[in-house]
Amino acid sequence: MKKNIELDTIINIAERALDVGFTRDQFLSLIMDVERFHKLQPLKLDELVKADHDTFAHDVDGIWSHYDRQANAITGCFLARTAA
């Protein structure tokens, strides 16, 4: 997936996250977190953006909760359901 297409998809993921409880204040941080998480644990971004509610909420909440920005690492052995 090309970089600009990936970024567009990640932005769409962040926009959909607003429907599962994320706020506009978290929007940019979530975009950055998903992008960095994807580099550590490749995601099927196209599947994530179209996932059912439970899978989408699991993965986005998991990324938000288990991505450590300071260490640039995934904590708690989290595995996204849409991992590649």
C-alpha atoms as a PDB file:
ATOM      1  CA  MET A   1       0.000   0.000   0.000  1.00  0.00           C
ATOM      2  CA  LYS A   2       1.433   3.356  -0.953  1.00  0.00           C
ATOM      3  CA  LYS A   3       2.236   5.858   1.789  1.00  0.00           C
ATOM      4  CA  ASN A   4      -0.439   8.422   0.820  1.00  0.00           C
ATOM      5  CA  ILE A   5      -3.092   5.708   0.493  1.00  0.00           C
ATOM      6  CA  GLU A   6      -2.082   4.332   3.899  1.00  0.00           C
ATOM      7  CA  LEU A   7      -2.347   7.789   5.450  1.00  0.00           C
ATOM      8  CA  ASP A   8      -5.776   8.352   3.882  1.00  0.00           C
ATOM      9  CA  THR A   9      -6.933   5.015   5.296  1.00  0.00           C
ATOM     10  CA  ILE A  10      -5.508   5.833   8.742  1.00  0.00           C
ATOM     11  CA  ILE A  11      -7.344   9.171   8.694  1.00  0.00           C
ATOM     12  CA  ASN A  12     -10.551   7.296   7.831  1.00  0.00           C
ATOM     13  CA  ILE A  13      -9.891   4.962  10.773  1.00  0.00           C
ATOM     14  CA  ALA A  14      -9.490   7.955  13.097  1.00  0.00           C
ATOM     15  CA  GLU A  15     -12.692   9.503  11.747  1.00  0.00           C
ATOM     16  CA  ARG A  16     -14.583   6.267  12.380  1.00  0.00           C
ATOM     17  CA  ALA A  17     -13.082   6.126  15.886  1.00  0.00           C
ATOM     18  CA  LEU A  18     -15.110   9.225  16.717  1.00  0.00           C
ATOM     19  CA  ASP A  19     -18.170   6.945  16.524  1.00  0.00           C
ATOM     20  CA  VAL A  20     -16.782   4.571  19.166  1.00  0.00           C
ATOM     21  CA  GLY A  21     -16.017   7.183  21.789  1.00  0.00           C
ATOM     22  CA  PHE A  22     -12.840   8.956  20.737  1.00  0.00           C
ATOM     23  CA  THR A  23     -12.904  12.742  20.790  1.00  0.00           C
ATOM     24  CA  ARG A  24     -11.740  15.371  18.330  1.00  0.00           C
ATOM     25  CA  ASP A  25      -9.006  16.211  20.863  1.00  0.00           C
ATOM     26  CA  GLN A  26      -7.654  12.670  20.434  1.00  0.00           C
ATOM     27  CA  PHE A  27      -7.969  12.637  16.640  1.00  0.00           C
ATOM     28  CA  LEU A  28      -4.438  13.667  15.645  1.00  0.00           C
ATOM     29  CA  SER A  29      -2.828  11.545  18.364  1.00  0.00           C
ATOM     30  CA  LEU A  30      -4.790   8.526  17.194  1.00  0.00           C
ATOM     31  CA  ILE A  31      -3.641   9.067  13.599  1.00  0.00           C
ATOM     32  CA  MET A  32      -0.016   9.138  14.761  1.00  0.00           C
ATOM     33  CA  ASP A  33      -0.488   6.144  17.062  1.00  0.00           C
ATOM     34  CA  VAL A  34      -2.082   3.997  14.347  1.00  0.00           C
ATOM     35  CA  GLU A  35       0.675   4.946  11.899  1.00  0.00           C
ATOM     36  CA  ARG A  36       3.459   4.086  14.367  1.00  0.00           C
ATOM     37  CA  PHE A  37       1.698   0.938  15.592  1.00  0.00           C
ATOM     38  CA  HIS A  38       1.333  -0.197  11.962  1.00  0.00           C
ATOM     39  CA  LYS A  39       5.116   0.051  11.544  1.00  0.00           C
ATOM     40  CA  LEU A  40       5.659  -2.182  14.590  1.00  0.00           C
ATOM     41  CA  GLN A  41       2.784  -4.599  13.971  1.00  0.00           C
ATOM     42  CA  PRO A  42       1.605  -4.400  10.374  1.00  0.00           C
ATOM     43  CA  LEU A  43      -2.146  -4.049  10.096  1.00  0.00           C
ATOM     44  CA  LYS A  44      -4.566  -4.821   7.309  1.00  0.00           C
ATOM     45  CA  LEU A  45      -5.675  -1.208   7.251  1.00  0.00           C
ATOM     46  CA  ASP A  46      -8.360  -1.762   4.611  1.00  0.00           C
ATOM     47  CA  GLU A  47      -9.892  -4.499   6.773  1.00  0.00           C
ATOM     48  CA  LEU A  48      -9.670  -2.394   9.920  1.00  0.00           C
ATOM     49  CA  VAL A  49     -11.487   0.594   8.445  1.00  0.00           C
ATOM     50  CA  LYS A  50     -14.313  -1.710   7.256  1.00  0.00           C
ATOM     51  CA  ALA A  51     -14.348  -4.064  10.266  1.00  0.00           C
ATOM     52  CA  ASP A  52     -17.467  -4.844  12.263  1.00  0.00           C
ATOM     53  CA  HIS A  53     -18.040  -2.683  15.328  1.00  0.00           C
ATOM     54  CA  ASP A  54     -16.537  -5.115  17.859  1.00  0.00           C
ATOM     55  CA  THR A  55     -13.370  -5.788  15.863  1.00  0.00           C
ATOM     56  CA  PHE A  56     -12.908  -2.108  15.077  1.00  0.00           C
ATOM     57  CA  ALA A  57     -13.394  -1.052  18.705  1.00  0.00           C
ATOM     58  CA  HIS A  58     -11.082  -3.836  19.945  1.00  0.00           C
ATOM     59  CA  ASP A  59      -8.266  -2.841  17.607  1.00  0.00           C
ATOM     60  CA  VAL A  60      -8.532   0.934  17.932  1.00  0.00           C
ATOM     61  CA  ASP A  61      -8.937   0.828  21.730  1.00  0.00           C
ATOM     62  CA  GLY A  62      -6.091  -1.680  21.903  1.00  0.00           C
ATOM     63  CA  ILE A  63      -3.806   0.510  19.837  1.00  0.00           C
ATOM     64  CA  TRP A  64      -4.686   3.511  21.995  1.00  0.00           C
ATOM     65  CA  SER A  65      -4.125   1.570  25.229  1.00  0.00           C
ATOM     66  CA  HIS A  66      -1.120  -0.582  24.301  1.00  0.00           C
ATOM     67  CA  TYR A  67       1.035   1.653  22.138  1.00  0.00           C
ATOM     68  CA  ASP A  68       3.731   3.226  24.321  1.00  0.00           C
ATOM     69  CA  ARG A  69       4.754   6.495  22.678  1.00  0.00           C
ATOM     70  CA  GLN A  70       7.795   6.955  24.928  1.00  0.00           C
ATOM     71  CA  ALA A  71       9.288   3.548  24.133  1.00  0.00           C
ATOM     72  CA  ASN A  72       7.812   3.221  20.629  1.00  0.00           C
ATOM     73  CA  ALA A  73       6.652  -0.243  21.629  1.00  0.00           C
ATOM     74  CA  ILE A  74       3.524  -2.333  21.999  1.00  0.00           C
ATOM     75  CA  THR A  75       2.791  -3.300  25.588  1.00  0.00           C
ATOM     76  CA  GLY A  76       0.715  -6.037  27.173  1.00  0.00           C
ATOM     77  CA  CYS A  77       1.214  -8.558  24.335  1.00  0.00           C
ATOM     78  CA  PHE A  78      -1.602  -6.868  22.408  1.00  0.00           C
ATOM     79  CA  LEU A  79      -2.409  -8.395  19.025  1.00  0.00           C
ATOM     80  CA  ALA A  80      -4.815  -6.575  16.778  1.00  0.00           C
ATOM     81  CA  ARG A  81      -7.509  -8.732  15.181  1.00  0.00           C
ATOM     82  CA  THR A  82      -6.647  -7.107  11.859  1.00  0.00           C
ATOM     83  CA  ALA A  83      -2.912  -7.760  12.157  1.00  0.00           C
ATOM     84  CA  ALA A  84      -1.320  -8.658   8.836  1.00  0.00           C
END
